[in-house]
């Protein structure tokens, strides 16, 4: 007969004990009013492993010992040290350890175990996960990552420049190829489809689009000596995504893009793990806000867009920054950047592509914040230049050069017409600083 204390301790442990036994430890934030937070926290832990709301006949102490999770830490913030008296629900930090044996290397099972049913249980938020080294060793992560992208593009140190085809949709392969040519000739390193672009739509078929863009890539390289990547949106129904990827490679494509938060993390992992797919993969961030935008529910942005997407194999990912049209806080920007790039055993760093109204004025600030191992994703900042996409790309490269040299963008523009024209267009008050013909 198991004593009551032993039975309870099957679902309770110190964090260090669980780490030593190869558990995956998830950290949750919970805003809930309850008279017994320990009971509630252990119920949450049970729900994600062997338990349910009532004792069942097939349950056993051995199953709980082997497959059950453990409540390893429980903190109240602030730690008031007495019964809570306010009408406002208190905030708790709960850490739950899950046996590594419960997981496979499937991203869908990973997310289900960490935040399945409990994601619908009120104001609870998954804010981080700590994985044992042997667990991470099962995953390949990015094929290219930061250094691989630099090697492919032959750009060893400066920030990379990305632009989207604008308008988002509605353009023909010929129109897109013309924009590609001028943007890349001006200095864009990576051109991407918009996330709204159909992989193989009737007005812009995949074969024609990729073929014509890659012809322009070769032409630009012959004229400038600089390579460019075309991140082709292959997002589609599940059974078509790999087929689309193979077709892009067949047509000479050199980069893929997938809307990872709608097609699924396992779709990204399938592409990244496939030995026949040896080109970089852009993981697009659209739809992530449905999971990461809330304060009290969902998944924290650094964990979701940084750690989880990086584990699944994204080489680079579009994400926000504080200086654009969809500004995120500096705190979130910096933390996400660290989750993209900090050392993680065998998993390569993923490149952060700063997007959402990235202009020439933002370059200096971004580089000062996070350094040069970053991509600047500028659609309007390139194609919105008063003299066209080629001049827009040149102006962005000039802004990058200014940041690399530690010169203010306004001072640098005094000797660089494309940059001066764009700065004056963005902020007419700056025009007095430049000697412009028009």
Protein backbone atom coordinates (compact mmCIF):
# COMPACT_ATOMS: atom_id res chain seq x y z
CA UNK A 1 0.00 0.00 0.00
CA UNK A 2 1.43 3.39 -1.05
CA UNK A 3 1.40 5.96 1.71
CA UNK A 4 -0.45 9.21 0.99
CA UNK A 5 2.75 11.28 1.13
CA UNK A 6 4.49 9.03 -1.39
CA UNK A 7 1.47 9.16 -3.67
CA UNK A 8 1.43 12.93 -3.62
CA UNK A 9 5.19 13.16 -4.18
CA UNK A 10 4.84 11.18 -7.40
CA UNK A 11 3.62 14.47 -8.86
CA UNK A 12 5.92 16.79 -6.92
CA UNK A 13 9.70 17.31 -7.16
CA UNK A 14 12.46 19.92 -7.01
CA UNK A 15 13.57 21.30 -10.40
CA UNK A 16 17.11 19.97 -9.95
CA UNK A 17 15.79 16.44 -9.41
CA UNK A 18 13.84 16.57 -12.65
CA UNK A 19 16.77 18.02 -14.59
CA UNK A 20 18.95 15.14 -13.43
CA UNK A 21 16.37 12.64 -14.68
CA UNK A 22 15.97 14.13 -18.18
CA UNK A 23 12.64 15.83 -17.88
CA UNK A 24 11.43 18.62 -20.17
CA UNK A 25 10.50 21.53 -17.88
CA UNK A 26 7.78 23.93 -19.00
CA UNK A 27 7.18 27.27 -17.29
CA UNK A 28 3.67 28.71 -17.18
CA UNK A 29 2.18 31.97 -16.02
CA UNK A 30 -1.27 31.61 -14.43
CA UNK A 31 -3.59 34.37 -13.26
CA UNK A 32 -6.20 32.58 -11.22
CA UNK A 33 -8.05 32.94 -7.93
CA UNK A 34 -8.15 29.68 -6.00
CA UNK A 35 -8.02 28.53 -2.40
CA UNK A 36 -5.57 25.74 -3.26
CA UNK A 37 -3.08 26.66 -5.95
CA UNK A 38 -0.98 23.55 -5.31
CA UNK A 39 -3.94 21.29 -6.07
CA UNK A 40 -4.76 23.27 -9.20
CA UNK A 41 -1.14 23.24 -10.41
CA UNK A 42 -0.88 19.46 -9.92
CA UNK A 43 -4.21 19.02 -11.73
CA UNK A 44 -2.75 20.94 -14.68
CA UNK A 45 0.32 18.70 -14.58
CA UNK A 46 -1.85 15.56 -14.48
CA UNK A 47 -4.01 16.71 -17.37
CA UNK A 48 -1.04 16.78 -19.71
CA UNK A 49 0.13 13.26 -18.82
CA UNK A 50 -1.61 10.31 -17.10
CA UNK A 51 -4.29 11.99 -15.01
CA UNK A 52 -7.88 13.02 -15.44
CA UNK A 53 -10.51 14.55 -13.16
CA UNK A 54 -11.39 11.19 -11.53
CA UNK A 55 -9.52 8.07 -10.51
CA UNK A 56 -9.74 5.41 -13.23
CA UNK A 57 -9.26 1.66 -12.90
CA UNK A 58 -6.29 1.33 -15.27
CA UNK A 59 -4.29 3.99 -13.47
CA UNK A 60 -1.40 2.87 -11.31
CA UNK A 61 1.45 4.28 -9.30
CA UNK A 62 3.88 2.70 -11.76
CA UNK A 63 2.30 4.51 -14.71
CA UNK A 64 2.36 7.77 -12.79
CA UNK A 65 5.98 7.20 -11.77
CA UNK A 66 7.06 6.50 -15.36
CA UNK A 67 4.84 8.78 -17.46
CA UNK A 68 3.40 11.30 -15.05
CA UNK A 69 4.55 14.90 -14.86
CA UNK A 70 5.85 16.61 -11.74
CA UNK A 71 5.12 20.01 -10.29
CA UNK A 72 8.64 21.28 -9.70
CA UNK A 73 8.14 24.95 -8.81
CA UNK A 74 5.30 27.22 -7.78
CA UNK A 75 5.78 30.93 -7.14
CA UNK A 76 3.32 33.70 -6.40
CA UNK A 77 4.27 37.10 -7.88
CA UNK A 78 4.71 39.04 -5.71
CA UNK A 79 5.31 36.51 -2.98
CA UNK A 80 3.08 38.08 -0.32
CA UNK A 81 3.54 35.26 2.20
CA UNK A 82 -0.09 35.07 3.33
CA UNK A 83 -3.56 34.27 2.05
CA UNK A 84 -4.53 36.51 -0.85
CA UNK A 85 -7.14 39.10 0.07
CA UNK A 86 -7.63 41.13 -3.13
CA UNK A 87 -10.51 40.72 -5.56
CA UNK A 88 -7.93 40.72 -8.39
CA UNK A 89 -6.68 37.16 -9.15
CA UNK A 90 -3.05 36.68 -8.13
CA UNK A 91 -0.29 35.80 -10.60
CA UNK A 92 1.58 32.49 -10.29
CA UNK A 93 4.58 31.01 -12.04
CA UNK A 94 4.21 27.23 -12.36
CA UNK A 95 6.93 24.86 -13.57
CA UNK A 96 5.98 21.37 -14.65
CA UNK A 97 8.42 18.62 -15.63
CA UNK A 98 7.42 16.11 -18.29
CA UNK A 99 9.30 12.81 -18.78
CA UNK A 100 11.35 12.86 -21.96
CA UNK A 101 9.93 9.40 -22.70
CA UNK A 102 6.52 10.99 -23.36
CA UNK A 103 7.86 12.91 -26.38
CA UNK A 104 8.94 12.02 -29.88
CA UNK A 105 10.73 14.31 -32.31
CA UNK A 106 7.35 15.40 -33.70
CA UNK A 107 6.64 19.10 -33.29
CA UNK A 108 2.90 18.48 -33.07
CA UNK A 109 3.30 16.04 -30.17
CA UNK A 110 5.71 18.46 -28.50
CA UNK A 111 3.21 21.31 -28.59
CA UNK A 112 0.32 19.06 -27.56
CA UNK A 113 2.14 17.74 -24.49
CA UNK A 114 3.35 21.17 -23.42
CA UNK A 115 0.15 23.11 -23.95
CA UNK A 116 -2.67 20.93 -25.22
CA UNK A 117 -5.92 20.91 -23.25
CA UNK A 118 -4.66 23.32 -20.62
CA UNK A 119 -4.36 26.09 -23.22
CA UNK A 120 -8.17 26.39 -22.97
CA UNK A 121 -8.31 26.39 -19.16
CA UNK A 122 -8.40 30.13 -18.55
CA UNK A 123 -5.67 32.69 -18.03
CA UNK A 124 -2.66 30.41 -18.39
CA UNK A 125 0.29 31.18 -20.65
CA UNK A 126 3.28 29.04 -21.69
CA UNK A 127 6.29 31.30 -21.27
CA UNK A 128 9.34 29.04 -21.65
CA UNK A 129 10.54 25.45 -21.97
CA UNK A 130 13.86 23.98 -20.83
CA UNK A 131 14.95 20.92 -22.82
CA UNK A 132 17.66 18.41 -21.84
CA UNK A 133 20.65 18.24 -24.17
CA UNK A 134 19.87 14.68 -25.23
CA UNK A 135 16.34 15.76 -26.20
CA UNK A 136 17.60 18.57 -28.42
CA UNK A 137 20.08 16.16 -30.02
CA UNK A 138 17.10 14.48 -31.74
CA UNK A 139 16.51 17.63 -33.80
CA UNK A 140 18.53 19.05 -36.68
CA UNK A 141 17.30 22.64 -36.55
CA UNK A 142 18.30 25.04 -39.33
CA UNK A 143 20.38 23.71 -42.21
CA UNK A 144 21.92 27.12 -42.86
CA UNK A 145 21.14 29.61 -40.13
CA UNK A 146 23.08 32.86 -39.80
CA UNK A 147 26.48 31.69 -41.03
CA UNK A 148 25.02 29.50 -43.77
CA UNK A 149 23.03 32.39 -45.22
CA UNK A 150 26.13 34.56 -45.18
CA UNK A 151 28.13 31.86 -46.94
CA UNK A 152 25.52 31.35 -49.67
CA UNK A 153 25.27 35.09 -50.32
CA UNK A 154 29.02 35.71 -49.84
CA UNK A 155 28.31 38.50 -47.36
CA UNK A 156 30.58 37.95 -44.34
CA UNK A 157 29.74 40.81 -42.00
CA UNK A 158 27.17 43.51 -42.86
CA UNK A 159 23.43 43.19 -42.15
CA UNK A 160 21.57 41.46 -44.98
CA UNK A 161 18.87 43.25 -46.92
CA UNK A 162 15.51 41.68 -47.74
CA UNK A 163 12.63 43.12 -49.77
CA UNK A 164 9.19 41.83 -50.66
CA UNK A 165 7.50 42.14 -54.03
CA UNK A 166 4.99 44.97 -53.81
CA UNK A 167 2.06 45.16 -54.18
CA UNK A 168 1.51 42.03 -52.09
CA UNK A 169 -0.47 40.16 -54.74
CA UNK A 170 -1.90 40.75 -58.20
CA UNK A 171 1.37 41.06 -60.11
CA UNK A 172 2.32 38.88 -63.09
CA UNK A 173 5.57 36.89 -63.34
CA UNK A 174 6.95 39.50 -65.75
CA UNK A 175 6.08 42.37 -63.41
CA UNK A 176 7.58 40.56 -60.44
CA UNK A 177 10.73 39.66 -62.34
CA UNK A 178 11.22 43.29 -63.32
CA UNK A 179 10.90 44.40 -59.68
CA UNK A 180 13.25 41.59 -58.65
CA UNK A 181 15.86 42.72 -61.16
CA UNK A 182 15.86 46.38 -60.14
CA UNK A 183 15.74 45.69 -56.38
CA UNK A 184 18.57 43.14 -56.53
CA UNK A 185 20.65 45.30 -58.86
CA UNK A 186 20.33 48.04 -56.27
CA UNK A 187 21.64 45.74 -53.55
CA UNK A 188 18.85 43.56 -52.10
CA UNK A 189 20.15 40.17 -50.94
CA UNK A 190 16.83 38.34 -50.50
CA UNK A 191 13.54 38.88 -52.32
CA UNK A 192 10.49 37.15 -50.84
CA UNK A 193 6.95 36.53 -51.93
CA UNK A 194 4.29 38.05 -49.75
CA UNK A 195 2.69 35.56 -47.37
CA UNK A 196 -0.60 36.15 -49.24
CA UNK A 197 0.85 34.95 -52.54
CA UNK A 198 -0.55 31.57 -53.59
CA UNK A 199 2.12 28.95 -54.19
CA UNK A 200 0.77 28.23 -57.67
CA UNK A 201 -2.03 30.67 -58.40
CA UNK A 202 -3.63 31.14 -61.81
CA UNK A 203 -2.35 34.70 -62.34
CA UNK A 204 1.20 33.96 -61.21
CA UNK A 205 2.04 30.27 -61.76
CA UNK A 206 4.92 28.76 -59.78
CA UNK A 207 6.98 27.56 -62.75
CA UNK A 208 6.80 30.82 -64.67
CA UNK A 209 7.43 32.93 -61.57
CA UNK A 210 10.47 31.01 -60.37
CA UNK A 211 11.98 30.58 -63.83
CA UNK A 212 11.80 34.27 -64.69
CA UNK A 213 13.06 35.41 -61.28
CA UNK A 214 16.06 33.10 -61.42
CA UNK A 215 16.94 34.34 -64.91
CA UNK A 216 17.07 37.82 -63.42
CA UNK A 217 19.18 36.56 -60.51
CA UNK A 218 21.81 35.34 -62.97
CA UNK A 219 21.68 38.63 -64.87
CA UNK A 220 22.16 40.67 -61.68
CA UNK A 221 25.10 38.50 -60.62
CA UNK A 222 26.78 39.00 -64.00
CA UNK A 223 26.30 42.77 -63.69
CA UNK A 224 27.12 43.30 -60.01
CA UNK A 225 28.94 40.21 -58.72
CA UNK A 226 26.34 39.85 -55.95
CA UNK A 227 24.05 36.85 -55.53
CA UNK A 228 20.40 37.11 -54.51
CA UNK A 229 17.96 34.63 -53.01
CA UNK A 230 14.32 34.35 -54.03
CA UNK A 231 12.22 33.03 -51.13
CA UNK A 232 9.30 31.39 -52.94
CA UNK A 233 6.09 30.96 -50.98
CA UNK A 234 5.30 27.24 -51.19
CA UNK A 235 2.60 27.29 -48.47
CA UNK A 236 -0.26 25.05 -49.47
CA UNK A 237 -2.34 22.11 -48.32
CA UNK A 238 -0.19 19.64 -46.40
CA UNK A 239 0.19 17.08 -49.17
CA UNK A 240 1.36 19.73 -51.67
CA UNK A 241 4.04 21.56 -49.69
CA UNK A 242 6.90 19.13 -50.33
CA UNK A 243 5.83 18.79 -53.97
CA UNK A 244 5.95 22.57 -54.31
CA UNK A 245 9.42 22.63 -52.74
CA UNK A 246 10.72 20.03 -55.18
CA UNK A 247 9.23 21.93 -58.10
CA UNK A 248 10.95 25.15 -57.00
CA UNK A 249 14.29 23.31 -56.96
CA UNK A 250 13.54 21.75 -60.36
CA UNK A 251 12.97 25.24 -61.80
CA UNK A 252 16.27 26.50 -60.41
CA UNK A 253 15.00 28.17 -57.22
CA UNK A 254 17.45 28.90 -54.42
CA UNK A 255 15.26 29.63 -51.36
CA UNK A 256 11.89 28.59 -49.93
CA UNK A 257 9.30 30.32 -47.78
CA UNK A 258 6.60 28.66 -45.69
CA UNK A 259 3.85 30.20 -43.56
CA UNK A 260 4.84 28.05 -40.61
CA UNK A 261 2.12 29.09 -38.16
CA UNK A 262 -0.67 28.06 -40.53
CA UNK A 263 0.96 25.07 -42.28
CA UNK A 264 2.40 23.75 -39.00
CA UNK A 265 5.76 23.27 -37.33
CA UNK A 266 6.04 19.70 -38.61
CA UNK A 267 5.71 21.01 -42.16
CA UNK A 268 8.72 23.26 -41.58
CA UNK A 269 10.61 20.40 -39.94
CA UNK A 270 9.79 18.09 -42.87
CA UNK A 271 11.35 20.58 -45.29
CA UNK A 272 14.38 21.33 -43.12
CA UNK A 273 15.12 17.64 -42.47
CA UNK A 274 14.76 16.58 -46.11
CA UNK A 275 18.27 15.88 -47.53
CA UNK A 276 17.00 16.69 -51.02
CA UNK A 277 16.11 20.24 -50.00
CA UNK A 278 19.42 22.07 -49.69
CA UNK A 279 18.35 25.72 -49.86
CA UNK A 280 17.57 28.16 -47.03
CA UNK A 281 14.03 28.30 -45.63
CA UNK A 282 12.27 31.47 -44.57
CA UNK A 283 9.73 30.84 -41.80
CA UNK A 284 7.06 33.51 -42.11
CA UNK A 285 5.60 34.87 -38.90
CA UNK A 286 2.03 35.59 -40.03
CA UNK A 287 -0.69 34.17 -37.74
CA UNK A 288 1.71 33.97 -34.79
CA UNK A 289 -0.18 36.84 -33.19
CA UNK A 290 -3.14 34.54 -32.60
CA UNK A 291 -0.94 32.57 -30.20
CA UNK A 292 1.49 35.15 -28.85
CA UNK A 293 -0.24 38.52 -28.66
CA UNK A 294 -2.14 38.14 -25.39
CA UNK A 295 -0.72 39.01 -21.98
CA UNK A 296 -2.44 36.20 -20.09
CA UNK A 297 -3.07 33.38 -22.57
CA UNK A 298 -1.25 31.67 -25.43
CA UNK A 299 2.52 31.31 -25.78
CA UNK A 300 5.21 33.91 -25.18
CA UNK A 301 6.62 35.40 -28.38
CA UNK A 302 10.31 34.58 -27.72
CA UNK A 303 9.46 30.93 -27.08
CA UNK A 304 7.07 30.59 -30.03
CA UNK A 305 8.82 32.52 -32.80
CA UNK A 306 12.34 31.99 -31.47
CA UNK A 307 12.95 28.68 -29.76
CA UNK A 308 10.16 26.54 -31.27
CA UNK A 309 10.55 27.73 -34.88
CA UNK A 310 14.32 27.49 -34.65
CA UNK A 311 14.03 23.92 -33.34
CA UNK A 312 11.78 23.05 -36.30
CA UNK A 313 14.44 24.27 -38.76
CA UNK A 314 13.79 27.85 -39.85
CA UNK A 315 16.94 29.46 -41.28
CA UNK A 316 15.53 32.98 -40.99
CA UNK A 317 12.23 34.44 -39.93
CA UNK A 318 10.33 37.66 -40.44
CA UNK A 319 9.63 39.35 -37.10
CA UNK A 320 8.80 42.78 -35.73
CA UNK A 321 10.94 45.54 -34.25
CA UNK A 322 10.27 48.75 -32.30
CA UNK A 323 10.72 51.21 -35.17
CA UNK A 324 8.15 50.20 -37.81
CA UNK A 325 4.45 50.22 -38.66
CA UNK A 326 3.68 47.30 -36.32
CA UNK A 327 6.02 48.24 -33.47
CA UNK A 328 6.80 45.69 -30.80
CA UNK A 329 8.37 46.69 -27.51
CA UNK A 330 12.14 46.86 -27.28
CA UNK A 331 12.00 44.24 -24.51
CA UNK A 332 10.19 41.73 -26.71
CA UNK A 333 12.34 42.55 -29.74
CA UNK A 334 15.57 41.97 -27.85
CA UNK A 335 14.37 38.80 -26.11
CA UNK A 336 13.15 37.33 -29.38
CA UNK A 337 16.47 38.14 -31.00
CA UNK A 338 18.31 36.28 -28.23
CA UNK A 339 16.05 33.24 -28.61
CA UNK A 340 16.84 33.30 -32.34
CA UNK A 341 20.60 33.42 -31.85
CA UNK A 342 21.95 32.39 -28.46
CA UNK A 343 24.04 29.14 -28.31
CA UNK A 344 21.89 26.00 -28.15
CA UNK A 345 24.11 22.94 -28.52
CA UNK A 346 23.72 21.51 -32.05
CA UNK A 347 20.96 23.92 -33.15
CA UNK A 348 22.33 26.70 -35.37
CA UNK A 349 21.34 30.34 -34.78
CA UNK A 350 18.41 31.56 -36.86
CA UNK A 351 18.64 34.96 -38.56
CA UNK A 352 16.21 37.64 -37.40
CA UNK A 353 14.59 39.53 -40.31
CA UNK A 354 13.35 42.88 -38.97
CA UNK A 355 10.11 43.63 -40.77
CA UNK A 356 7.02 45.80 -40.64
CA UNK A 357 7.82 49.27 -41.94
CA UNK A 358 11.62 48.98 -41.84
CA UNK A 359 12.93 52.22 -43.30
CA UNK A 360 16.33 53.81 -43.83
CA UNK A 361 15.75 55.73 -40.58
CA UNK A 362 15.42 52.48 -38.60
CA UNK A 363 18.65 50.83 -39.74
CA UNK A 364 21.01 52.65 -37.37
CA UNK A 365 18.78 51.93 -34.36
CA UNK A 366 18.42 48.23 -35.15
CA UNK A 367 22.16 47.75 -35.64
CA UNK A 368 22.89 49.57 -32.37
CA UNK A 369 20.37 47.33 -30.57
CA UNK A 370 21.37 43.89 -31.82
CA UNK A 371 24.48 44.19 -34.00
CA UNK A 372 25.10 43.22 -37.61
CA UNK A 373 23.96 39.56 -37.64
CA UNK A 374 20.49 40.65 -38.66
CA UNK A 375 18.41 40.98 -41.81
CA UNK A 376 16.58 44.19 -42.63
CA UNK A 377 13.27 43.40 -44.34
CA UNK A 378 12.13 46.49 -46.24
CA UNK A 379 9.31 46.40 -48.77
CA UNK A 380 8.09 49.98 -48.87
CA UNK A 381 11.57 51.18 -47.94
CA UNK A 382 12.83 49.76 -51.26
CA UNK A 383 9.90 49.94 -53.67
CA UNK A 384 8.52 53.19 -52.26
CA UNK A 385 11.56 55.28 -53.22
CA UNK A 386 10.55 58.23 -55.42
CA UNK A 387 13.04 57.08 -58.07
CA UNK A 388 12.02 53.42 -58.05
CA UNK A 389 13.10 50.10 -56.58
CA UNK A 390 16.74 50.19 -57.66
CA UNK A 391 17.28 53.57 -56.04
CA UNK A 392 15.36 52.35 -53.00
CA UNK A 393 17.63 49.34 -52.61
CA UNK A 394 20.71 51.56 -53.01
CA UNK A 395 19.40 53.89 -50.33
CA UNK A 396 18.91 50.98 -47.91
CA UNK A 397 22.43 49.71 -48.60
CA UNK A 398 23.74 53.23 -48.01
CA UNK A 399 21.91 53.33 -44.68
CA UNK A 400 23.53 49.98 -43.82
CA UNK A 401 26.96 51.35 -44.78
CA UNK A 402 26.36 54.36 -42.56
CA UNK A 403 25.48 52.15 -39.59
CA UNK A 404 28.54 49.97 -40.20
CA UNK A 405 30.78 53.05 -40.21
CA UNK A 406 29.13 54.63 -37.18
CA UNK A 407 27.97 57.68 -39.15
CA UNK A 408 24.49 59.10 -38.66
CA UNK A 409 22.16 58.36 -41.54
CA UNK A 410 21.46 62.08 -42.09
CA UNK A 411 25.16 62.95 -42.30
CA UNK A 412 25.86 60.02 -44.61
CA UNK A 413 23.02 61.07 -46.90
CA UNK A 414 24.72 64.40 -47.62
CA UNK A 415 27.08 62.55 -49.99
CA UNK A 416 24.64 59.85 -51.19
CA UNK A 417 21.79 61.06 -53.35
CA UNK A 418 19.56 57.95 -53.22
CA UNK A 419 19.59 58.00 -49.43
CA UNK A 420 19.05 61.75 -49.29
CA UNK A 421 16.06 61.52 -51.63
CA UNK A 422 14.42 58.84 -49.51
CA UNK A 423 15.06 60.59 -46.19
CA UNK A 424 13.54 63.77 -47.59
CA UNK A 425 10.58 61.75 -48.86
CA UNK A 426 10.06 60.10 -45.47
CA UNK A 427 10.53 63.34 -43.56
CA UNK A 428 10.23 66.56 -45.61
CA UNK A 429 11.75 68.52 -42.72
CA UNK A 430 15.07 66.82 -43.53
CA UNK A 431 15.18 68.18 -47.08
CA UNK A 432 16.96 71.33 -45.92
CA UNK A 433 19.96 69.15 -44.99
CA UNK A 434 20.52 68.00 -48.57
CA UNK A 435 21.36 69.66 -51.87
CA UNK A 436 18.68 68.00 -53.98
CA UNK A 437 17.78 68.91 -57.54
CA UNK A 438 14.07 68.11 -57.02
